[in-house]
Protein backbone atom coordinates (compact mmCIF):
# COMPACT_ATOMS: atom_id res chain seq x y z
CA UNK A 1 0.00 0.00 0.00
CA UNK A 2 1.15 3.53 -0.69
CA UNK A 3 2.57 5.71 2.07
CA UNK A 4 0.04 7.65 4.08
CA UNK A 5 -1.06 10.78 2.21
CA UNK A 6 -0.42 14.08 3.99
CA UNK A 7 -3.32 15.39 6.04
CA UNK A 8 -5.00 12.03 6.48
CA UNK A 9 -5.22 10.93 10.09
CA UNK A 10 -4.19 7.42 11.05
CA UNK A 11 -7.78 6.26 11.66
CA UNK A 12 -8.85 7.29 8.16
CA UNK A 13 -5.73 5.72 6.69
CA UNK A 14 -6.41 2.42 8.47
CA UNK A 15 -10.01 2.32 7.23
CA UNK A 16 -8.95 3.03 3.64
CA UNK A 17 -6.16 0.47 3.77
CA UNK A 18 -8.39 -2.31 5.16
CA UNK A 19 -11.17 -1.62 2.66
CA UNK A 20 -8.84 -1.63 -0.35
CA UNK A 21 -7.10 -4.77 0.92
CA UNK A 22 -10.48 -6.51 1.25
CA UNK A 23 -11.41 -5.42 -2.25
CA UNK A 24 -8.30 -6.80 -3.91
CA UNK A 25 -7.22 -9.64 -1.62
CA UNK A 26 -8.25 -12.28 -4.16
CA UNK A 27 -7.96 -10.30 -7.36
CA UNK A 28 -4.66 -9.20 -8.82
CA UNK A 29 -5.73 -5.82 -10.18
CA UNK A 30 -3.13 -3.54 -11.64
CA UNK A 31 -1.77 -0.71 -9.54
CA UNK A 32 -3.74 1.92 -11.47
CA UNK A 33 -7.06 0.25 -10.56
CA UNK A 34 -6.00 -0.06 -6.91
CA UNK A 35 -4.97 3.61 -6.79
CA UNK A 36 -8.37 4.63 -8.18
CA UNK A 37 -10.12 2.48 -5.56
CA UNK A 38 -7.94 3.91 -2.80
CA UNK A 39 -8.73 7.47 -3.92
CA UNK A 40 -12.47 6.74 -4.02
CA UNK A 41 -12.48 5.06 -0.60
CA UNK A 42 -10.43 7.92 0.83
CA UNK A 43 -12.93 10.43 -0.58
CA UNK A 44 -15.85 8.46 0.88
CA UNK A 45 -14.18 8.26 4.30
CA UNK A 46 -13.55 12.01 4.30
CA UNK A 47 -17.22 12.45 3.34
CA UNK A 48 -18.24 10.62 6.51
CA UNK A 49 -18.74 7.00 5.43
CA UNK A 50 -16.90 4.83 7.97
CA UNK A 51 -18.52 1.40 7.56
CA UNK A 52 -15.97 -0.83 5.85
CA UNK A 53 -18.61 -3.09 4.30
CA UNK A 54 -20.25 -0.06 2.67
CA UNK A 55 -16.88 1.25 1.48
CA UNK A 56 -15.94 -2.09 -0.07
CA UNK A 57 -19.32 -2.41 -1.76
CA UNK A 58 -19.24 1.12 -3.19
CA UNK A 59 -15.68 0.72 -4.44
CA UNK A 60 -16.50 -2.61 -6.04
CA UNK A 61 -19.44 -1.01 -7.85
CA UNK A 62 -17.03 1.62 -9.22
CA UNK A 63 -14.98 -1.29 -10.63
CA UNK A 64 -11.65 0.54 -10.49
CA UNK A 65 -12.79 3.59 -12.41
CA UNK A 66 -11.46 6.99 -11.39
CA UNK A 67 -13.99 9.17 -9.56
CA UNK A 68 -14.15 12.90 -10.25
CA UNK A 69 -15.71 14.54 -7.17
CA UNK A 70 -16.03 17.88 -8.99
CA UNK A 71 -18.77 16.62 -11.27
CA UNK A 72 -19.65 13.27 -9.68
CA UNK A 73 -18.67 11.15 -12.65
CA UNK A 74 -16.57 8.02 -13.05
CA UNK A 75 -13.95 8.13 -15.79
């Protein structure tokens, strides 16, 4: 997993790390897909979603696509 991004507290980092690990523990997705999932989960955690099951489900629905929070679209 990537080093902890600046400004993210350790609790948020742990939640993001566990959720992304659960998402890709069986799949061998490329690093780009994992980075997109990590960014989405991080955004969701900062938005107030803390339930890991919900985070994993939402990230799996996104299917590794990059989320653009400015317009709410997946690229």
